[in-house]
Amino acid sequence: MPVRDATAEAGRDPAPAVSAAPRGRMPAEWARHAATWIAWPHHEPDWPGKLAPIPWVYAEIVRVLHAHERVEILCNDDNVRDAAAGHLAAHGVAMANVGLHAVPNDRVWLRDSAPTGIVGADGRTALVNWRFNAWAKYDNYERDAEVGRAVERISGLPRIEPVRPDTGERVVLEGGAIETNGEGTMLVTEECLLSSVQVRNPGLSREGYERVFRDYLGIRETIWLGEGCVGDDTHGHIDDIARFVAPDVVVLAYEEDPADENHARSQDNLRRLQLAGGDALRVVKIPYPRPVTMNGERLPASYANFYIANGVVIVPTFNDRNDRIAMNTLATLMPDRHVIGIHAVDLVWGLGTLHCLTQQQPAGAP
């Protein structure tokens, strides 16, 4: 397996090395966290005309999370850091369990720009730092591409840059595109990784992706779903449609209305999960909210974009009657955690919600 560490000298890539074992294992999201990482909102074009309420939503997210685990917050500059401190103080957040760090960034979606945490055979945490290119869609991502180095510096954890098995180039990937049960099974979508739109890694095959997942994340089985949800500008991230809540339980966002574009996608993804998992995998449906639109644009509103932290699950809500159904279903499936709704009607105007903006740091061995 070609391997390039982040500490390699600049310039020509080193000769490929061979590894007989995965670099580590990606834990399930419900495994113990050392911290949650977020970035404080500051880029107005991400919420055109609606940036003002977004910091208040973030402050509420931190208020809930910091009672259960440490929250590390990247702030674009000192002014953003001061503004974040003010919002958090207004929400009664105890800063002893929060870190504010002046780190330049373009957008707040750390699920995608921040590294993926893995735990090695020695029980210690490391950072798998994918190359970030703004979902192969936007041009302004230079600062986000350096977020992994900042997390490495702040956390003191080692950082690994995965490379392709075919070319030795860095792998482009986002955390929202991958979902694991922590026991060697991964969920992804063909729309995101294999289609001809927003191509992350031109020429990388299905088998190539599966080798990357095996070598760097300890994945033995990859289940390929079809398409993501309508309105997702990442072009098919898994975290809006299908999520593990236990090693053998998948929550699937399912649209019952045949007239809705998400219906056919839901049916196809349900069929794929049933074929792949058989009796060993339980699939539990949760509804979508009614379509959420802004200025005529369909937004990727989905309850599947929940985030599991230590002792708590935060769930996006949309002032919809299905809010209660989704939260009750998740509470039944994860009875050991508090399930708390976070109002996300304004947040989703940025084309993402709670899972998209968070990234967990696994709690490895001390």
Protein backbone atom coordinates (compact mmCIF):
# COMPACT_ATOMS: atom_id res chain seq x y z
CA MET A 1 0.00 0.00 0.00
CA PRO A 2 1.42 3.44 -0.87
CA VAL A 3 1.69 5.53 2.28
CA ARG A 4 2.68 9.16 2.66
CA ASP A 5 2.84 10.75 6.10
CA ALA A 6 2.12 14.44 6.58
CA THR A 7 5.69 14.95 7.75
CA ALA A 8 7.16 13.94 4.40
CA GLU A 9 9.34 16.61 2.86
CA ALA A 10 7.80 18.84 0.24
CA GLY A 11 8.52 18.04 -3.39
CA ARG A 12 8.74 14.63 -4.97
CA ASP A 13 6.64 11.97 -3.27
CA PRO A 14 8.59 9.23 -1.47
CA ALA A 15 8.66 5.77 -2.97
CA PRO A 16 5.55 3.73 -2.10
CA ALA A 17 5.78 1.63 1.04
CA VAL A 18 3.86 -1.54 1.77
CA SER A 19 1.73 -2.05 4.86
CA ALA A 20 0.32 -5.43 5.84
CA ALA A 21 -2.25 -3.98 8.24
CA PRO A 22 -4.60 -0.98 8.29
CA ARG A 23 -3.24 2.23 9.74
CA GLY A 24 -6.07 2.17 12.27
CA ARG A 25 -9.79 1.72 12.77
CA MET A 26 -12.44 4.39 12.40
CA PRO A 27 -14.68 4.09 15.48
CA ALA A 28 -18.43 4.42 15.30
CA GLU A 29 -19.72 7.88 16.13
CA TRP A 30 -21.23 6.64 19.39
CA ALA A 31 -17.81 5.54 20.66
CA ARG A 32 -16.34 7.79 23.34
CA HIS A 33 -15.17 11.22 22.14
CA ALA A 34 -12.32 13.32 23.47
CA ALA A 35 -13.87 16.38 21.82
CA THR A 36 -16.13 17.74 19.12
CA TRP A 37 -14.62 20.18 16.60
CA ILE A 38 -16.62 22.95 14.95
CA ALA A 39 -15.82 26.22 13.16
CA TRP A 40 -17.60 29.46 14.02
CA PRO A 41 -19.76 30.90 11.19
CA HIS A 42 -18.46 34.03 9.49
CA HIS A 43 -18.85 33.61 5.70
CA GLU A 44 -22.05 35.47 4.78
CA PRO A 45 -22.38 33.99 1.25
CA ASP A 46 -22.97 30.58 2.84
CA TRP A 47 -26.24 31.95 4.32
CA PRO A 48 -27.19 34.73 1.90
CA GLY A 49 -29.16 37.31 3.86
CA LYS A 50 -29.42 34.99 6.88
CA LEU A 51 -26.05 34.99 8.60
CA ALA A 52 -27.28 37.02 11.61
CA PRO A 53 -29.22 34.20 13.36
CA ILE A 54 -26.67 31.47 12.61
CA PRO A 55 -24.21 32.25 15.45
CA TRP A 56 -27.10 31.94 17.90
CA VAL A 57 -27.85 28.46 16.56
CA TYR A 58 -24.18 27.58 16.96
CA ALA A 59 -24.16 28.86 20.52
CA GLU A 60 -27.10 26.59 21.32
CA ILE A 61 -25.27 23.63 19.78
CA VAL A 62 -22.21 24.34 21.94
CA ARG A 63 -24.40 24.83 25.01
CA VAL A 64 -25.79 21.33 24.59
CA LEU A 65 -22.54 19.60 23.61
CA HIS A 66 -20.18 21.17 26.14
CA ALA A 67 -22.15 19.64 29.01
CA HIS A 68 -21.12 16.21 27.67
CA GLU A 69 -17.71 16.69 26.07
CA ARG A 70 -15.12 19.31 25.23
CA VAL A 71 -15.85 21.52 22.20
CA GLU A 72 -12.94 22.91 20.15
CA ILE A 73 -13.94 25.88 18.00
CA LEU A 74 -11.97 27.25 15.06
CA CYS A 75 -12.48 31.00 14.57
CA ASN A 76 -11.41 32.65 11.33
CA ASP A 77 -9.69 35.54 13.12
CA ASP A 78 -9.58 37.40 16.44
CA ASN A 79 -12.77 39.32 15.67
CA VAL A 80 -14.68 36.11 15.01
CA ARG A 81 -13.22 34.61 18.20
CA ASP A 82 -14.41 37.61 20.23
CA ALA A 83 -17.87 37.39 18.65
CA ALA A 84 -18.05 33.66 19.42
CA ALA A 85 -17.08 34.28 23.04
CA GLY A 86 -19.87 36.84 23.34
CA HIS A 87 -22.53 34.52 21.92
CA LEU A 88 -21.40 31.64 24.12
CA ALA A 89 -21.46 33.84 27.22
CA ALA A 90 -25.01 34.90 26.39
CA HIS A 91 -25.98 31.22 26.30
CA GLY A 92 -24.37 30.49 29.65
CA VAL A 93 -21.65 28.25 28.23
CA ALA A 94 -18.93 27.29 30.72
CA MET A 95 -15.74 28.12 28.85
CA ALA A 96 -13.68 25.66 30.90
CA ASN A 97 -14.90 22.92 28.53
CA VAL A 98 -14.56 24.98 25.34
CA GLY A 99 -11.51 26.00 23.31
CA LEU A 100 -11.51 29.03 21.00
CA HIS A 101 -8.73 29.00 18.41
CA ALA A 102 -7.92 31.67 15.82
CA VAL A 103 -7.54 29.53 12.70
CA PRO A 104 -8.32 30.87 9.20
CA ASN A 105 -11.07 28.93 7.44
CA ASP A 106 -13.32 29.41 4.43
CA ARG A 107 -16.47 27.56 5.54
CA VAL A 108 -17.73 25.92 8.70
CA TRP A 109 -18.35 22.38 7.49
CA LEU A 110 -15.69 20.59 9.53
CA ARG A 111 -17.25 17.20 8.91
CA ASP A 112 -15.67 17.57 5.48
CA SER A 113 -12.60 19.78 5.88
CA ALA A 114 -11.35 18.44 9.24
CA PRO A 115 -9.56 15.08 9.61
CA THR A 116 -11.26 11.76 10.32
CA GLY A 117 -10.22 10.29 13.67
CA ILE A 118 -8.96 6.73 13.82
CA VAL A 119 -7.69 4.54 16.68
CA GLY A 120 -4.57 2.47 16.08
CA ALA A 121 -3.74 -1.01 17.31
CA ASP A 122 -1.98 0.66 20.25
CA GLY A 123 -5.23 2.36 21.24
CA ARG A 124 -3.99 5.82 20.36
CA THR A 125 -5.85 8.32 18.20
CA ALA A 126 -4.52 9.61 14.88
CA LEU A 127 -5.92 11.98 12.25
CA VAL A 128 -6.63 10.82 8.70
CA ASN A 129 -6.36 14.05 6.73
CA TRP A 130 -8.04 13.71 3.34
CA ARG A 131 -7.32 16.32 0.69
CA PHE A 132 -10.18 18.82 0.65
CA ASN A 133 -11.21 20.53 -2.59
CA ALA A 134 -14.61 21.98 -1.58
CA TRP A 135 -16.65 19.06 -2.87
CA ALA A 136 -15.10 19.49 -6.35
CA LYS A 137 -17.46 22.44 -6.76
CA TYR A 138 -16.16 25.71 -5.26
CA ASP A 139 -12.94 27.60 -5.86
CA ASN A 140 -12.34 29.19 -2.45
CA TYR A 141 -11.04 26.44 -0.19
CA GLU A 142 -7.35 27.20 0.33
CA ARG A 143 -7.76 27.90 4.04
CA ASP A 144 -10.06 24.93 4.59
CA ALA A 145 -7.43 22.71 2.96
CA GLU A 146 -5.11 23.60 5.87
CA VAL A 147 -7.59 22.85 8.66
CA GLY A 148 -6.10 19.39 9.20
CA ARG A 149 -2.72 20.89 10.05
CA ALA A 150 -4.37 23.22 12.56
CA VAL A 151 -6.18 20.34 14.24
CA GLU A 152 -2.89 18.43 14.38
CA ARG A 153 -1.16 21.41 16.02
CA ILE A 154 -3.91 22.09 18.56
CA SER A 155 -4.62 18.46 19.47
CA GLY A 156 -1.04 17.19 19.35
CA LEU A 157 -2.23 14.10 17.47
CA PRO A 158 -0.30 12.55 14.57
CA ARG A 159 -1.68 13.21 11.10
CA ILE A 160 -1.73 10.90 8.08
CA GLU A 161 -2.38 11.94 4.47
CA PRO A 162 -3.98 9.00 2.59
CA VAL A 163 -2.86 8.36 -0.97
CA ARG A 164 -4.48 6.53 -3.85
CA PRO A 165 -3.40 2.93 -4.45
CA ASP A 166 -3.20 3.53 -8.21
CA THR A 167 -1.40 6.88 -8.58
CA GLY A 168 0.06 7.76 -5.19
CA GLU A 169 -1.78 11.10 -5.20
CA ARG A 170 -3.59 12.27 -2.08
CA VAL A 171 -7.14 11.00 -1.73
CA VAL A 172 -9.86 13.64 -1.96
CA LEU A 173 -12.69 12.79 0.41
CA GLU A 174 -15.06 14.35 2.92
CA GLY A 175 -16.21 12.99 6.26
CA GLY A 176 -19.85 13.42 5.24
CA ALA A 177 -19.31 10.88 2.46
CA ILE A 178 -18.47 7.99 4.80
CA GLU A 179 -20.40 6.29 7.60
CA THR A 180 -19.19 3.34 9.68
CA ASN A 181 -20.51 1.05 12.39
CA GLY A 182 -17.06 0.90 13.99
CA GLU A 183 -16.82 -2.83 13.32
CA GLY A 184 -15.57 -2.81 9.76
CA THR A 185 -18.65 -1.88 7.72
CA MET A 186 -18.90 1.35 5.72
CA LEU A 187 -21.80 3.07 3.97
CA VAL A 188 -21.17 5.35 0.96
CA THR A 189 -23.08 6.42 -2.16
CA GLU A 190 -22.30 5.87 -5.81
CA GLU A 191 -23.62 9.35 -6.57
CA CYS A 192 -20.89 10.97 -4.48
CA LEU A 193 -17.89 8.78 -5.29
CA LEU A 194 -18.52 7.13 -8.66
CA SER A 195 -20.62 9.51 -10.75
CA SER A 196 -19.28 11.88 -13.42
CA VAL A 197 -20.45 14.96 -11.49
CA GLN A 198 -18.21 16.69 -8.91
CA VAL A 199 -15.55 14.05 -9.39
CA ARG A 200 -13.21 13.89 -6.38
CA ASN A 201 -10.67 11.35 -7.60
CA PRO A 202 -10.79 10.95 -11.39
CA GLY A 203 -10.20 7.36 -12.40
CA LEU A 204 -10.39 5.87 -8.89
CA SER A 205 -12.58 2.79 -9.13
CA ARG A 206 -15.02 1.22 -6.70
CA GLU A 207 -12.34 -1.30 -5.80
CA GLY A 208 -9.82 1.51 -5.35
CA TYR A 209 -12.06 3.31 -2.87
CA GLU A 210 -12.65 0.09 -0.98
CA ARG A 211 -8.90 -0.43 -0.70
CA VAL A 212 -8.46 3.11 0.65
CA PHE A 213 -11.18 2.45 3.24
CA ARG A 214 -9.53 -0.83 4.22
CA ASP A 215 -5.99 0.51 4.41
CA TYR A 216 -6.71 3.73 6.30
CA LEU A 217 -9.98 3.11 8.18
CA GLY A 218 -9.95 -0.63 8.85
CA ILE A 219 -13.05 -1.27 6.73
CA ARG A 220 -13.74 -4.85 5.62
CA GLU A 221 -17.11 -4.34 3.87
CA THR A 222 -18.37 -1.32 1.95
CA ILE A 223 -22.09 -1.07 1.20
CA TRP A 224 -22.78 1.15 -1.80
CA LEU A 225 -26.08 3.02 -1.78
CA GLY A 226 -27.34 4.92 -4.81
CA GLU A 227 -28.21 8.60 -4.54
CA GLY A 228 -28.28 11.08 -1.68
CA CYS A 229 -31.14 13.46 -0.95
CA VAL A 230 -32.53 16.19 -3.16
CA GLY A 231 -30.86 19.58 -2.69
CA ASP A 232 -27.53 18.23 -1.47
CA ASP A 233 -24.84 20.32 -3.17
CA THR A 234 -22.15 17.81 -2.15
CA HIS A 235 -23.75 15.47 -4.70
CA GLY A 236 -24.68 12.53 -2.56
CA HIS A 237 -23.22 12.60 0.95
CA ILE A 238 -24.28 9.58 2.96
CA ASP A 239 -24.89 11.54 6.18
CA ASP A 240 -28.16 12.98 4.89
CA ILE A 241 -29.71 9.60 4.13
CA ALA A 242 -28.32 6.61 6.07
CA ARG A 243 -26.67 6.42 9.49
CA PHE A 244 -25.62 3.64 11.82
CA VAL A 245 -26.99 3.88 15.36
CA ALA A 246 -25.70 0.44 16.43
CA PRO A 247 -23.37 -2.09 14.77
CA ASP A 248 -26.32 -3.84 13.12
CA VAL A 249 -28.88 -1.01 12.89
CA VAL A 250 -29.12 1.60 10.11
CA VAL A 251 -31.48 4.56 10.19
CA LEU A 252 -32.62 5.37 6.65
CA ALA A 253 -34.28 8.65 5.63
CA TYR A 254 -37.31 7.46 3.69
CA GLU A 255 -39.80 9.55 1.73
CA GLU A 256 -43.23 7.91 1.54
CA ASP A 257 -44.76 10.35 -0.98
CA PRO A 258 -44.41 8.88 -4.51
CA ALA A 259 -44.65 12.39 -5.95
CA ASP A 260 -41.54 13.53 -4.09
CA GLU A 261 -38.17 13.07 -5.83
CA ASN A 262 -36.71 11.56 -2.66
CA HIS A 263 -39.18 8.65 -2.85
CA ALA A 264 -37.51 6.70 -5.67
CA ARG A 265 -34.09 7.35 -4.12
CA SER A 266 -35.34 6.07 -0.76
CA GLN A 267 -36.77 2.91 -2.31
CA ASP A 268 -33.54 2.14 -4.11
CA ASN A 269 -31.41 2.70 -1.01
CA LEU A 270 -33.71 0.53 1.10
CA ARG A 271 -33.41 -2.28 -1.44
CA ARG A 272 -29.62 -1.99 -1.47
CA LEU A 273 -29.41 -2.13 2.31
CA GLN A 274 -31.70 -5.14 2.48
CA LEU A 275 -29.72 -7.00 -0.18
CA ALA A 276 -26.36 -6.19 1.40
CA GLY A 277 -27.30 -6.78 5.02
CA GLY A 278 -29.85 -9.54 4.84
CA ASP A 279 -31.01 -10.68 8.26
CA ALA A 280 -27.83 -9.32 9.87
CA LEU A 281 -28.76 -5.67 9.31
CA ARG A 282 -31.86 -3.99 10.69
CA VAL A 283 -33.08 -0.97 8.72
CA VAL A 284 -35.27 1.55 10.51
CA LYS A 285 -37.01 4.25 8.49
CA ILE A 286 -37.29 7.84 9.61
CA PRO A 287 -39.30 10.36 7.59
CA TYR A 288 -38.12 13.45 5.82
CA PRO A 289 -39.64 16.76 6.88
CA ARG A 290 -41.85 18.48 4.35
CA PRO A 291 -39.74 20.07 1.59
CA VAL A 292 -37.84 23.10 2.89
CA THR A 293 -37.25 25.74 0.23
CA MET A 294 -35.62 29.15 0.18
CA ASN A 295 -35.94 31.52 -2.76
CA GLY A 296 -37.34 28.62 -4.77
CA GLU A 297 -34.39 26.33 -3.96
CA ARG A 298 -34.97 22.89 -2.45
CA LEU A 299 -32.71 22.47 0.58
CA PRO A 300 -31.23 19.22 1.94
CA ALA A 301 -33.41 19.07 5.04
CA SER A 302 -33.01 15.65 6.64
CA TYR A 303 -33.29 14.26 10.15
CA ALA A 304 -30.51 11.81 9.26
CA ASN A 305 -28.02 14.66 9.71
CA PHE A 306 -28.08 14.13 13.48
CA TYR A 307 -24.86 14.04 15.52
CA ILE A 308 -24.08 11.49 18.25
CA ALA A 309 -21.92 12.80 21.11
CA ASN A 310 -21.10 11.52 24.59
CA GLY A 311 -24.45 10.98 26.28
CA VAL A 312 -26.45 13.07 23.80
CA VAL A 313 -27.80 13.09 20.25
CA ILE A 314 -28.58 16.44 18.63
CA VAL A 315 -31.17 16.29 15.85
CA PRO A 316 -32.05 18.99 13.29
CA THR A 317 -35.69 20.05 13.48
CA PHE A 318 -37.73 21.97 10.92
CA ASN A 319 -40.98 23.13 12.56
CA ASP A 320 -42.59 20.08 11.04
CA ARG A 321 -44.92 17.42 12.44
CA ASN A 322 -42.33 14.79 11.51
CA ASP A 323 -39.87 16.36 13.96
CA ARG A 324 -41.52 14.43 16.76
CA ILE A 325 -41.56 11.14 14.84
CA ALA A 326 -37.88 11.37 13.98
CA MET A 327 -36.81 12.30 17.50
CA ASN A 328 -38.95 9.62 19.14
CA THR A 329 -37.54 6.99 16.77
CA LEU A 330 -33.96 8.01 17.54
CA ALA A 331 -34.68 8.10 21.27
CA THR A 332 -36.01 4.55 21.11
CA LEU A 333 -32.95 3.36 19.19
CA MET A 334 -30.46 5.13 21.48
CA PRO A 335 -32.05 4.99 24.93
CA ASP A 336 -28.73 5.62 26.70
CA ARG A 337 -28.53 9.17 25.30
CA HIS A 338 -30.54 12.35 25.61
CA VAL A 339 -32.09 13.26 22.26
CA ILE A 340 -32.30 17.04 21.80
CA GLY A 341 -33.70 18.95 18.85
CA ILE A 342 -31.89 21.95 17.38
CA HIS A 343 -33.89 24.34 15.19
CA ALA A 344 -32.34 24.06 11.71
CA VAL A 345 -34.64 25.92 9.30
CA ASP A 346 -32.18 28.82 9.09
CA LEU A 347 -29.13 26.56 9.37
CA VAL A 348 -30.05 24.40 6.37
CA TRP A 349 -30.03 27.50 4.14
CA GLY A 350 -26.26 26.96 4.30
CA LEU A 351 -26.89 23.52 2.68
CA GLY A 352 -25.94 21.53 5.77
CA THR A 353 -26.94 21.03 9.39
CA LEU A 354 -25.66 19.35 12.55
CA HIS A 355 -23.61 16.42 11.31
CA CYS A 356 -22.11 18.51 8.52
CA LEU A 357 -20.75 21.11 10.93
CA THR A 358 -19.31 18.74 13.57
CA GLN A 359 -16.34 16.38 13.58
CA GLN A 360 -15.60 14.07 16.48
CA GLN A 361 -12.17 13.36 17.94
CA PRO A 362 -12.19 9.77 19.23
CA ALA A 363 -11.01 9.15 22.76
CA GLY A 364 -8.10 6.79 22.33
CA ALA A 365 -5.78 5.49 25.01
CA PRO A 366 -4.37 8.21 27.30
